[in-house]
Amino acid sequence: MENELNRCTAGKGSLGNPFMEPWERIPDGEPRIFTDSATGEKRMYVYGSHDSCADCCCGPDHVVWSAPVDDLTNWRHDGVAFHINQLDGMVFTPENAAQITYHPETEHLFAPDVIYHPQSKTYWMFVFTSATKHIFAAESDRPEGPYTNPRYIGSGFDPAVLVDDIKDENGNQRVYLYWSVESERTAFACELDPITLKKIEGTVHVPIGHSCAENGNDTMPHRNLAPFYFFEGPSIRKVGSFYVLSYAKTDDQPGIGSLAEIGYAYSDNPYGDPGMGNTWQFGGTIIDNRGEFIKDPYSGEIVATYKGGNNHGGMIETNGQWYQVYHRETNLGSARQAMAEAINLRIEGEKLIIDQAEVTSQGFRTAGLNPYERQYAVSACFGLGSYTFDVNPTLDFDPASVREDRYLVTNLKNHSWLGYKYFNFREGIKAGEKLYLTLLLKDCAAGTINVYAAEPKESYFAPEQPRTLIGTGALDGTNAFREIAVPVSALTGRKAIYLEFCSDAEGTVCEMDKLWFTAQN
């Protein structure tokens, strides 16, 4: 009988992180669980920006991806939900300004959010424009859209919306809007009319110490307020009786980097208003897209294990597990990709605690990647030295396109490292079998690839686990794509796998497309 361990997916790679197709670029992802209007199925929908042009931060449209909550590895492209051209010719009156007729011209759409509106029984997408910083809300009877009939909400940056379970005096669920101001990097919040979605006068809460505090409602964090260091990208959730505000934070460790962390704060009221209860309590960092910081094995310097960039995303709970959706850079300008990590969120008395999560290759595959399925090389979550993730350089975002399905890690040079966390080998191979790691790559120079394995870390702050050499493969510089099978030591359970590229050549050693394990007699 055929050994099941020898069965591996032909062609396409298995999706862990990034969890959408490698050609897609969705940063700023806000995950929401809604009911598919066509099937009645509960699905997780991710709404984000779209890095759909060369060297641009966000594009002119919002596209939606979704997956059934019972299979968060099966992601579907649901089409364009909103395009900025829908705002062309719209007449409205901005706050404290004269009426205008809006023409977006070269503007783009930045990070959106979506809610189900309990009064209208429809879905509302909150969008905002890149240059003029206007917030609009558009409506749809389906969670995936399309969203139409936009209305002006106000000025602001990165809108986030919460439909509370607490009702107002008229029996309507309260709705809150959170946003930031780009020029000052500060947080704002207010209540929206549950019918019109307009800002309710007198409810605007502004940053602590802000010069234009409204009625003393200066309760929101800002960039220079320790330990919050708020920068942008608010996302709001309610967990039990706690209001949880996550956001992109500046870095209080100068010299290491900035904006790569998503931090969080919590309160027992939507504004952190001491007149309503408790002020905002800073919780910590949920995810840092620079990975972990380790001592470089060659330079001895403390370095990040991924080339981080700005970060933004939202939390979601399903089937008893919380996740953080965020994004990573890919070395190609602003070609950012959607990532996800399982997080440990818990309530202990008057505290809401979220342990900082590792950056992994798993995504929603929380038990670990199947080592016997082909994995994209660009699912590496760990990198040292030189490497470039070459994803969708042709800017083809049509999900129906016939693609070569080749997304290379290029620019791998002497002493480059790639790492994958985590593969789950379960019980391991059978007696008499040998384990091989197969690499689909293009030799560019003669050299070797060292394969290492390590135990999982217990937590983000746990010490780095020792890497054990389990095999070595040879490169002969044939300059052609081929499969190289490297015999490696038998493995069981969850393991991190690392590849070290070595060569005397000064240029590129190789380019890698996919990797997978096989067990053979």
Protein backbone atom coordinates (compact mmCIF):
# COMPACT_ATOMS: atom_id res chain seq x y z
CA MET A 1 0.00 0.00 0.00
CA GLU A 2 1.24 3.49 -0.83
CA ASN A 3 2.87 5.25 2.08
CA GLU A 4 0.65 8.24 2.91
CA LEU A 5 3.72 10.26 3.88
CA ASN A 6 4.84 10.23 0.26
CA ARG A 7 1.73 12.07 -0.90
CA CYS A 8 2.49 15.70 -1.49
CA THR A 9 0.56 18.37 -3.33
CA ALA A 10 1.73 18.69 -6.91
CA GLY A 11 2.23 22.15 -8.32
CA LYS A 12 0.69 24.71 -6.00
CA GLY A 13 2.08 25.30 -2.57
CA SER A 14 0.06 24.92 0.61
CA LEU A 15 -1.05 28.20 2.15
CA GLY A 16 -0.02 28.94 5.71
CA ASN A 17 1.34 32.48 6.05
CA PRO A 18 0.63 34.55 4.06
CA PHE A 19 -2.81 32.98 4.14
CA MET A 20 -4.09 34.33 0.81
CA GLU A 21 -2.68 33.47 -2.61
CA PRO A 22 0.92 34.74 -2.88
CA TRP A 23 0.06 37.11 -5.74
CA GLU A 24 -2.45 39.00 -3.58
CA ARG A 25 -1.47 42.05 -1.53
CA ILE A 26 -3.89 42.87 1.28
CA PRO A 27 -2.45 44.93 4.16
CA ASP A 28 -4.42 46.48 7.06
CA GLY A 29 -6.75 43.48 7.23
CA GLU A 30 -9.85 43.77 9.42
CA PRO A 31 -11.35 40.29 9.96
CA ARG A 32 -15.09 39.99 10.55
CA ILE A 33 -17.40 36.97 10.82
CA PHE A 34 -20.65 37.31 8.90
CA THR A 35 -23.19 35.00 7.31
CA ASP A 36 -22.83 34.29 3.59
CA SER A 37 -26.11 35.60 2.20
CA ALA A 38 -26.12 32.97 -0.57
CA THR A 39 -25.45 29.85 1.51
CA GLY A 40 -26.19 30.76 5.15
CA GLU A 41 -22.64 29.67 5.99
CA LYS A 42 -20.61 31.50 8.65
CA ARG A 43 -17.49 32.89 7.01
CA MET A 44 -14.55 35.02 8.04
CA TYR A 45 -14.24 38.05 5.77
CA VAL A 46 -11.04 40.09 5.59
CA TYR A 47 -11.34 43.73 4.55
CA GLY A 48 -8.13 45.60 3.86
CA SER A 49 -6.23 47.98 1.67
CA HIS A 50 -5.00 46.78 -1.72
CA ASP A 51 -1.39 47.33 -2.77
CA SER A 52 -2.43 46.95 -6.39
CA CYS A 53 0.00 49.29 -8.14
CA ALA A 54 3.75 49.54 -8.46
CA ASP A 55 5.50 51.13 -5.47
CA CYS A 56 2.23 52.47 -4.03
CA CYS A 57 0.92 52.24 -0.53
CA CYS A 58 -2.66 51.09 -1.16
CA GLY A 59 -4.58 51.34 -4.43
CA PRO A 60 -7.94 52.61 -5.73
CA ASP A 61 -10.04 49.61 -4.72
CA HIS A 62 -10.95 47.31 -1.85
CA VAL A 63 -11.21 43.59 -2.60
CA VAL A 64 -12.58 41.00 -0.19
CA TRP A 65 -11.42 37.49 0.66
CA SER A 66 -13.32 35.05 2.86
CA ALA A 67 -13.15 31.51 4.25
CA PRO A 68 -15.61 29.25 6.11
CA VAL A 69 -15.02 29.47 9.85
CA ASP A 70 -14.66 25.68 9.93
CA ASP A 71 -11.83 25.74 7.37
CA LEU A 72 -9.70 28.87 7.62
CA THR A 73 -7.25 27.47 5.08
CA ASN A 74 -9.76 27.63 2.21
CA TRP A 75 -9.73 31.30 1.15
CA ARG A 76 -11.93 32.64 -1.63
CA HIS A 77 -11.61 35.86 -3.64
CA ASP A 78 -15.01 37.58 -3.39
CA GLY A 79 -14.31 40.41 -5.81
CA VAL A 80 -14.10 44.19 -5.66
CA ALA A 81 -16.20 45.59 -2.82
CA PHE A 82 -15.63 49.29 -3.43
CA HIS A 83 -13.74 51.52 -5.90
CA ILE A 84 -12.76 55.12 -5.32
CA ASN A 85 -14.42 56.12 -8.61
CA GLN A 86 -17.75 55.70 -6.81
CA LEU A 87 -16.92 58.94 -4.95
CA ASP A 88 -16.36 60.95 -8.13
CA GLY A 89 -18.80 63.85 -8.37
CA MET A 90 -20.15 63.34 -4.84
CA VAL A 91 -21.37 66.57 -3.20
CA PHE A 92 -20.92 66.97 0.56
CA THR A 93 -19.92 69.46 3.23
CA PRO A 94 -16.72 68.62 5.14
CA GLU A 95 -16.50 69.54 8.82
CA ASN A 96 -15.91 73.27 9.32
CA ALA A 97 -15.69 73.85 5.56
CA ALA A 98 -17.77 74.83 2.56
CA GLN A 99 -19.65 72.38 0.39
CA ILE A 100 -17.54 70.68 -2.27
CA THR A 101 -17.96 68.41 -5.26
CA TYR A 102 -15.43 65.66 -4.75
CA HIS A 103 -13.12 64.35 -7.49
CA PRO A 104 -10.65 61.68 -6.28
CA GLU A 105 -8.33 61.98 -9.31
CA THR A 106 -5.09 60.32 -8.16
CA GLU A 107 -6.25 59.52 -4.62
CA HIS A 108 -6.31 56.00 -3.26
CA LEU A 109 -8.26 54.17 -0.56
CA PHE A 110 -6.60 53.32 2.73
CA ALA A 111 -7.59 50.89 5.51
CA PRO A 112 -11.36 50.17 5.69
CA ASP A 113 -13.64 48.56 8.27
CA VAL A 114 -17.03 46.85 7.94
CA ILE A 115 -19.93 46.40 10.35
CA TYR A 116 -23.35 44.81 10.21
CA HIS A 117 -25.81 47.60 10.96
CA PRO A 118 -28.49 46.20 13.30
CA GLN A 119 -31.07 48.87 12.44
CA SER A 120 -30.91 48.75 8.63
CA LYS A 121 -30.05 45.02 8.57
CA THR A 122 -27.34 45.78 6.03
CA TYR A 123 -23.55 45.92 5.94
CA TRP A 124 -21.60 49.17 5.98
CA MET A 125 -18.05 49.64 4.75
CA PHE A 126 -16.19 52.64 6.17
CA VAL A 127 -13.52 53.88 3.76
CA PHE A 128 -11.25 56.89 3.64
CA THR A 129 -9.25 58.71 1.01
CA SER A 130 -5.47 58.88 1.05
CA ALA A 131 -4.81 62.58 0.45
CA THR A 132 -7.88 64.50 1.62
CA LYS A 133 -8.58 62.14 4.56
CA HIS A 134 -12.36 62.02 4.15
CA ILE A 135 -14.27 59.12 5.76
CA PHE A 136 -17.28 57.70 3.89
CA ALA A 137 -19.65 54.81 4.60
CA ALA A 138 -21.18 52.73 1.80
CA GLU A 139 -23.92 50.11 2.11
CA SER A 140 -24.53 46.56 0.86
CA ASP A 141 -26.95 43.72 1.54
CA ARG A 142 -24.06 41.23 1.29
CA PRO A 143 -20.90 41.14 3.41
CA GLU A 144 -18.68 40.88 0.35
CA GLY A 145 -20.37 43.81 -1.37
CA PRO A 146 -20.39 45.55 -3.71
CA TYR A 147 -20.88 48.58 -1.45
CA THR A 148 -22.78 51.50 -2.96
CA ASN A 149 -24.47 54.81 -2.12
CA PRO A 150 -21.59 56.28 -0.09
CA ARG A 151 -22.32 59.00 2.45
CA TYR A 152 -19.90 61.42 4.04
CA ILE A 153 -19.09 60.71 7.71
CA GLY A 154 -16.31 63.15 8.57
CA SER A 155 -12.61 63.83 8.30
CA GLY A 156 -10.14 61.30 9.67
CA PHE A 157 -7.64 58.54 9.05
CA ASP A 158 -7.99 54.74 9.48
CA PRO A 159 -11.65 54.45 10.57
CA ALA A 160 -12.60 51.61 12.92
CA VAL A 161 -16.16 50.91 14.02
CA LEU A 162 -17.79 49.06 16.92
CA VAL A 163 -21.44 48.05 17.22
CA ASP A 164 -21.84 47.69 20.97
CA ASP A 165 -24.13 45.21 22.71
CA ILE A 166 -25.25 48.08 24.97
CA LYS A 167 -28.33 49.94 23.74
CA ASP A 168 -29.24 53.62 23.93
CA GLU A 169 -32.41 55.11 25.43
CA ASN A 170 -34.32 54.29 22.23
CA GLY A 171 -33.39 50.63 22.28
CA ASN A 172 -30.81 50.91 19.49
CA GLN A 173 -27.37 49.37 19.80
CA ARG A 174 -24.73 52.04 20.26
CA VAL A 175 -22.21 52.54 17.45
CA TYR A 176 -18.73 54.02 17.99
CA LEU A 177 -16.21 55.37 15.49
CA TYR A 178 -12.45 55.48 16.11
CA TRP A 179 -9.92 57.20 13.88
CA SER A 180 -6.57 58.96 13.87
CA VAL A 181 -5.16 62.19 12.49
CA GLU A 182 -2.20 61.68 10.22
CA SER A 183 -0.52 65.02 10.90
CA GLU A 184 -0.47 64.51 14.66
CA ARG A 185 -0.62 60.71 14.97
CA THR A 186 -3.31 60.81 17.62
CA ALA A 187 -6.42 58.78 18.45
CA PHE A 188 -9.99 60.07 18.38
CA ALA A 189 -13.35 58.43 19.13
CA CYS A 190 -17.02 59.37 19.12
CA GLU A 191 -20.49 57.88 19.10
CA LEU A 192 -22.40 57.64 15.83
CA ASP A 193 -26.13 58.08 15.46
CA PRO A 194 -27.35 54.46 15.13
CA ILE A 195 -29.74 55.43 12.32
CA THR A 196 -27.86 58.04 10.26
CA LEU A 197 -24.28 57.07 11.25
CA LYS A 198 -23.48 60.75 11.72
CA LYS A 199 -21.20 61.84 14.56
CA ILE A 200 -23.18 62.73 17.67
CA GLU A 201 -22.28 66.22 18.79
CA GLY A 202 -20.54 66.41 22.14
CA THR A 203 -19.33 62.80 22.13
CA VAL A 204 -15.98 63.34 20.42
CA HIS A 205 -13.09 62.23 22.65
CA VAL A 206 -9.66 63.54 21.79
CA PRO A 207 -6.05 62.75 22.74
CA ILE A 208 -4.87 63.43 26.26
CA GLY A 209 -3.37 66.89 26.45
CA HIS A 210 -4.78 67.85 23.05
CA SER A 211 -5.15 71.58 22.54
CA CYS A 212 -8.76 71.36 21.31
CA ALA A 213 -10.25 69.03 23.91
CA GLU A 214 -14.03 68.95 23.58
CA ASN A 215 -15.78 69.44 26.90
CA GLY A 216 -12.80 67.99 28.72
CA ASN A 217 -13.09 64.69 26.82
CA ASP A 218 -9.31 64.35 26.43
CA THR A 219 -8.96 60.63 27.09
CA MET A 220 -7.40 59.06 23.96
CA PRO A 221 -3.70 58.13 23.60
CA HIS A 222 -1.27 59.87 21.27
CA ARG A 223 2.18 59.35 19.81
CA ASN A 224 4.25 60.75 22.67
CA LEU A 225 2.20 59.32 25.51
CA ALA A 226 4.10 56.51 27.24
CA PRO A 227 3.58 53.61 27.31
CA PHE A 228 0.98 53.77 24.50
CA TYR A 229 3.01 55.45 21.74
CA PHE A 230 -0.06 55.49 19.49
CA PHE A 231 0.67 56.11 15.81
CA GLU A 232 -2.21 55.02 13.53
CA GLY A 233 -4.41 52.09 12.55
CA PRO A 234 -6.95 51.83 15.39
CA SER A 235 -9.01 48.64 15.52
CA ILE A 236 -11.72 48.19 18.13
CA ARG A 237 -13.24 45.04 19.62
CA LYS A 238 -15.32 44.25 22.68
CA VAL A 239 -14.31 41.23 24.73
CA GLY A 240 -16.69 40.54 27.57
CA SER A 241 -17.02 43.88 29.32
CA PHE A 242 -13.68 45.17 27.98
CA TYR A 243 -13.26 47.57 25.07
CA VAL A 244 -9.98 46.63 23.38
CA LEU A 245 -8.24 49.20 21.19
CA SER A 246 -5.37 47.84 19.11
CA TYR A 247 -3.22 50.05 16.92
CA ALA A 248 0.12 50.54 15.18
CA LYS A 249 2.54 51.95 17.73
CA THR A 250 5.75 53.85 17.43
CA ASP A 251 8.81 52.21 18.87
CA ASP A 252 10.07 53.14 22.30
CA GLN A 253 13.40 51.48 21.46
CA PRO A 254 15.16 53.92 19.10
CA GLY A 255 17.58 52.36 16.67
CA ILE A 256 15.74 49.06 16.24
CA GLY A 257 12.91 50.32 14.06
CA SER A 258 9.37 51.58 14.30
CA LEU A 259 5.72 51.05 13.35
CA ALA A 260 6.16 47.27 13.09
CA GLU A 261 4.30 46.58 16.33
CA ILE A 262 0.58 46.29 16.94
CA GLY A 263 -0.05 47.32 20.53
CA TYR A 264 -3.25 47.28 22.53
CA ALA A 265 -5.02 49.07 25.35
CA TYR A 266 -8.27 48.25 27.16
CA SER A 267 -10.91 49.92 29.29
CA ASP A 268 -14.34 49.22 30.76
CA ASN A 269 -15.84 52.02 28.63
CA PRO A 270 -15.47 52.91 24.93
CA TYR A 271 -13.42 56.06 25.51
CA GLY A 272 -11.19 55.18 28.46
CA ASP A 273 -13.02 58.06 30.15
CA PRO A 274 -12.47 58.23 33.93
CA GLY A 275 -15.88 59.86 34.21
CA MET A 276 -17.41 56.65 32.85
CA GLY A 277 -15.15 54.11 34.56
CA ASN A 278 -11.49 53.26 34.02
CA THR A 279 -8.91 55.01 31.87
CA TRP A 280 -7.12 53.13 29.09
CA GLN A 281 -4.71 50.52 30.41
CA PHE A 282 -1.78 49.68 28.14
CA GLY A 283 -1.58 45.93 27.60
CA GLY A 284 1.55 45.46 25.51
CA THR A 285 2.43 44.30 22.00
CA ILE A 286 0.34 41.70 20.16
CA ILE A 287 2.62 41.15 17.16
CA ASP A 288 5.82 42.65 15.75
CA ASN A 289 6.28 41.93 12.05
CA ARG A 290 10.07 42.16 12.41
CA GLY A 291 9.93 38.71 14.03
CA GLU A 292 12.21 38.06 16.97
CA PHE A 293 15.54 39.71 17.71
CA ILE A 294 18.55 37.42 17.90
CA LYS A 295 22.34 37.56 17.79
CA ASP A 296 23.50 37.29 14.19
CA PRO A 297 25.68 34.13 13.98
CA TYR A 298 28.25 35.96 11.82
CA SER A 299 28.33 39.59 12.98
CA GLY A 300 27.37 39.01 16.60
CA GLU A 301 24.98 41.99 16.40
CA ILE A 302 21.38 41.89 17.63
CA VAL A 303 19.21 41.88 14.52
CA ALA A 304 15.58 41.39 13.55
CA THR A 305 14.74 38.08 11.89
CA TYR A 306 12.49 39.64 9.28
CA LYS A 307 12.58 42.88 7.29
CA GLY A 308 9.69 44.60 9.02
CA GLY A 309 7.62 47.59 8.00
CA ASN A 310 4.48 49.38 9.09
CA ASN A 311 1.78 47.19 10.62
CA HIS A 312 -2.00 47.29 10.97
CA GLY A 313 -4.76 44.73 11.48
CA GLY A 314 -7.56 43.44 13.68
CA MET A 315 -8.42 40.63 16.07
CA ILE A 316 -11.09 37.96 15.61
CA GLU A 317 -12.39 35.02 17.65
CA THR A 318 -13.86 31.86 16.20
CA ASN A 319 -14.30 28.32 17.51
CA GLY A 320 -12.81 29.34 20.85
CA GLN A 321 -9.55 30.68 19.37
CA TRP A 322 -8.47 34.31 18.96
CA TYR A 323 -6.36 35.40 15.99
CA GLN A 324 -4.51 38.56 15.04
CA VAL A 325 -4.56 39.50 11.37
CA TYR A 326 -1.67 41.78 10.34
CA HIS A 327 0.63 42.27 7.36
CA ARG A 328 4.24 41.93 6.33
CA GLU A 329 6.50 43.59 3.75
CA THR A 330 7.92 41.66 0.80
CA ASN A 331 10.93 43.77 -0.31
CA LEU A 332 8.97 45.03 -3.34
CA GLY A 333 8.03 48.55 -2.35
CA SER A 334 4.67 48.33 -0.59
CA ALA A 335 3.73 44.84 -1.76
CA ARG A 336 2.35 43.83 1.63
CA GLN A 337 0.66 40.51 2.37
CA ALA A 338 -2.00 39.38 4.86
CA MET A 339 -0.73 37.33 7.79
CA ALA A 340 -2.44 35.74 10.80
CA GLU A 341 -1.32 34.32 14.13
CA ALA A 342 -3.20 32.51 16.87
CA ILE A 343 -3.04 34.60 20.06
CA ASN A 344 -3.57 33.81 23.71
CA LEU A 345 -6.16 36.32 24.95
CA ARG A 346 -7.53 35.94 28.46
CA ILE A 347 -9.18 37.92 31.24
CA GLU A 348 -7.67 37.80 34.70
CA GLY A 349 -9.71 39.84 37.15
CA GLU A 350 -9.62 43.45 36.00
CA LYS A 351 -6.93 42.78 33.39
CA LEU A 352 -7.23 41.74 29.76
CA ILE A 353 -4.01 40.01 28.72
CA ILE A 354 -2.76 39.17 25.24
CA ASP A 355 0.58 37.39 25.06
CA GLN A 356 2.84 38.64 22.29
CA ALA A 357 2.72 36.14 19.43
CA GLU A 358 5.56 34.82 17.31
CA VAL A 359 5.68 35.53 13.60
CA THR A 360 5.24 32.10 11.99
CA SER A 361 4.68 30.38 8.66
CA GLN A 362 1.55 28.67 10.01
CA GLY A 363 -1.17 31.29 9.63
CA PHE A 364 -4.47 29.62 10.47
CA ARG A 365 -2.83 26.17 10.42
CA THR A 366 -2.31 26.36 14.15
CA ALA A 367 -1.25 22.70 14.58
CA GLY A 368 1.66 23.34 12.23
CA LEU A 369 2.29 22.95 8.51
CA ASN A 370 2.05 19.53 6.90
CA PRO A 371 5.67 18.75 5.99
CA TYR A 372 4.57 16.41 3.20
CA GLU A 373 2.74 19.13 1.30
CA ARG A 374 4.61 21.52 -0.94
CA GLN A 375 5.14 24.85 0.76
CA TYR A 376 5.94 28.11 -0.97
CA ALA A 377 9.48 29.25 -0.23
CA VAL A 378 8.03 32.74 0.33
CA SER A 379 6.22 31.42 3.41
CA ALA A 380 9.51 31.84 5.28
CA CYS A 381 8.97 33.77 8.51
CA PHE A 382 12.65 34.04 9.40
CA GLY A 383 15.41 35.62 7.34
CA LEU A 384 18.97 36.72 7.88
CA GLY A 385 21.32 38.27 5.39
CA SER A 386 20.26 38.79 1.78
CA TYR A 387 16.84 37.64 0.47
CA THR A 388 14.00 39.06 -1.63
CA PHE A 389 10.42 37.77 -1.88
CA ASP A 390 9.47 38.06 -5.55
CA VAL A 391 5.65 38.06 -5.45
CA ASN A 392 3.46 39.24 -8.34
CA PRO A 393 5.91 41.60 -10.07
CA THR A 394 3.52 41.75 -13.07
CA LEU A 395 0.72 43.31 -10.94
CA ASP A 396 -1.84 40.75 -12.12
CA PHE A 397 -4.66 40.67 -9.56
CA ASP A 398 -7.23 38.76 -11.59
CA PRO A 399 -8.09 35.61 -9.60
CA ALA A 400 -9.04 33.84 -12.85
CA SER A 401 -5.61 34.34 -14.43
CA VAL A 402 -3.60 31.27 -15.39
CA ARG A 403 -0.34 31.61 -13.51
CA GLU A 404 2.93 29.74 -13.52
CA ASP A 405 2.58 29.48 -9.75
CA ARG A 406 6.18 30.39 -9.13
CA TYR A 407 6.91 32.88 -6.33
CA LEU A 408 10.61 32.93 -5.75
CA VAL A 409 12.85 33.86 -2.89
CA THR A 410 15.65 35.50 -4.85
CA ASN A 411 18.90 37.26 -4.00
CA LEU A 412 20.00 34.43 -1.68
CA LYS A 413 23.72 34.89 -1.10
CA ASN A 414 26.46 33.43 1.05
CA HIS A 415 25.30 33.23 4.67
CA SER A 416 21.65 33.97 3.84
CA TRP A 417 19.17 32.18 6.09
CA LEU A 418 15.49 31.26 5.68
CA GLY A 419 13.36 29.76 8.44
CA TYR A 420 9.91 28.14 8.65
CA LYS A 421 7.89 27.83 11.88
CA TYR A 422 6.50 25.28 12.30
CA PHE A 423 6.21 21.92 10.54
CA ASN A 424 4.37 19.16 12.40
CA PHE A 425 5.95 15.75 11.78
CA ARG A 426 3.61 14.08 14.30
CA GLU A 427 4.81 10.50 15.00
CA GLY A 428 7.53 10.74 12.35
CA ILE A 429 8.45 8.21 9.70
CA LYS A 430 8.04 4.43 9.81
CA ALA A 431 10.82 2.00 10.62
CA GLY A 432 13.11 1.44 7.65
CA GLU A 433 12.22 4.73 5.96
CA LYS A 434 14.43 7.74 5.39
CA LEU A 435 13.38 11.38 5.46
CA TYR A 436 14.30 13.82 2.68
CA LEU A 437 13.81 17.56 2.29
CA THR A 438 13.19 18.37 -1.37
CA LEU A 439 13.90 21.88 -2.62
CA LEU A 440 12.64 23.20 -5.95
CA LEU A 441 15.20 25.83 -6.87
CA LYS A 442 17.46 27.32 -9.47
CA ASP A 443 21.20 26.90 -8.92
CA CYS A 444 23.08 30.09 -9.64
CA ALA A 445 26.46 29.17 -8.16
CA ALA A 446 28.23 26.21 -6.64
CA GLY A 447 27.69 25.89 -2.92
CA THR A 448 25.86 24.07 -0.15
CA ILE A 449 22.58 24.32 1.74
CA ASN A 450 22.68 23.35 5.41
CA VAL A 451 19.39 22.20 6.93
CA TYR A 452 18.75 22.76 10.64
CA ALA A 453 15.88 21.87 12.97
CA ALA A 454 14.88 23.41 16.30
CA GLU A 455 12.23 22.87 18.95
CA PRO A 456 9.34 25.35 19.14
CA LYS A 457 9.67 28.31 21.45
CA GLU A 458 7.31 28.24 24.42
CA SER A 459 6.56 31.94 23.98
CA TYR A 460 7.78 34.99 22.12
CA PHE A 461 10.05 35.98 25.00
CA ALA A 462 11.47 32.49 25.57
CA PRO A 463 15.15 32.03 24.67
CA GLU A 464 15.98 31.15 21.09
CA GLN A 465 16.03 27.38 20.65
CA PRO A 466 19.30 25.77 19.52
CA ARG A 467 19.46 24.84 15.84
CA THR A 468 20.70 21.31 15.12
CA LEU A 469 22.25 20.44 11.74
CA ILE A 470 20.18 17.60 10.23
CA GLY A 471 21.42 17.52 6.62
CA THR A 472 23.47 19.18 3.88
CA GLY A 473 22.76 19.46 0.16
CA ALA A 474 25.06 20.42 -2.70
CA LEU A 475 24.52 23.09 -5.38
CA ASP A 476 26.48 22.78 -8.62
CA GLY A 477 25.57 26.07 -10.31
CA THR A 478 23.71 24.51 -13.25
CA ASN A 479 21.60 27.69 -13.50
CA ALA A 480 18.41 25.70 -14.13
CA PHE A 481 15.32 24.87 -12.07
CA ARG A 482 15.48 21.41 -10.56
CA GLU A 483 14.59 19.40 -7.49
CA ILE A 484 17.28 18.66 -4.93
CA ALA A 485 16.53 15.96 -2.36
CA VAL A 486 18.55 16.41 0.84
CA PRO A 487 18.65 13.42 3.23
CA VAL A 488 17.88 14.64 6.74
CA SER A 489 17.58 13.16 10.20
CA ALA A 490 14.21 11.72 11.22
CA LEU A 491 11.94 14.24 12.96
CA THR A 492 8.88 14.02 15.20
CA GLY A 493 6.43 16.60 16.51
CA ARG A 494 6.52 20.31 15.71
CA LYS A 495 9.83 21.65 14.47
CA ALA A 496 11.25 24.86 13.09
CA ILE A 497 13.26 24.27 9.91
CA TYR A 498 16.10 26.59 8.87
CA LEU A 499 18.11 26.75 5.64
CA GLU A 500 21.60 28.26 5.52
CA PHE A 501 23.00 29.07 2.06
CA CYS A 502 26.79 28.93 1.68
CA SER A 503 29.01 29.65 -1.32
CA ASP A 504 32.33 31.22 -2.23
CA ALA A 505 30.56 33.14 -4.99
CA GLU A 506 30.00 36.85 -4.48
CA GLY A 507 26.59 36.98 -6.17
CA THR A 508 23.38 35.00 -5.88
CA VAL A 509 23.76 31.40 -4.73
CA CYS A 510 20.29 30.24 -5.77
CA GLU A 511 16.63 31.13 -6.15
CA MET A 512 14.09 28.94 -4.32
CA ASP A 513 10.49 28.22 -5.25
CA LYS A 514 9.10 25.45 -3.00
CA LEU A 515 10.10 22.93 -0.36
CA TRP A 516 8.58 19.72 1.01
CA PHE A 517 9.54 16.52 2.83
CA THR A 518 9.17 12.92 1.66
CA ALA A 519 9.62 9.60 3.44
CA GLN A 520 11.13 6.83 1.33
CA ASN A 521 12.09 3.18 1.87
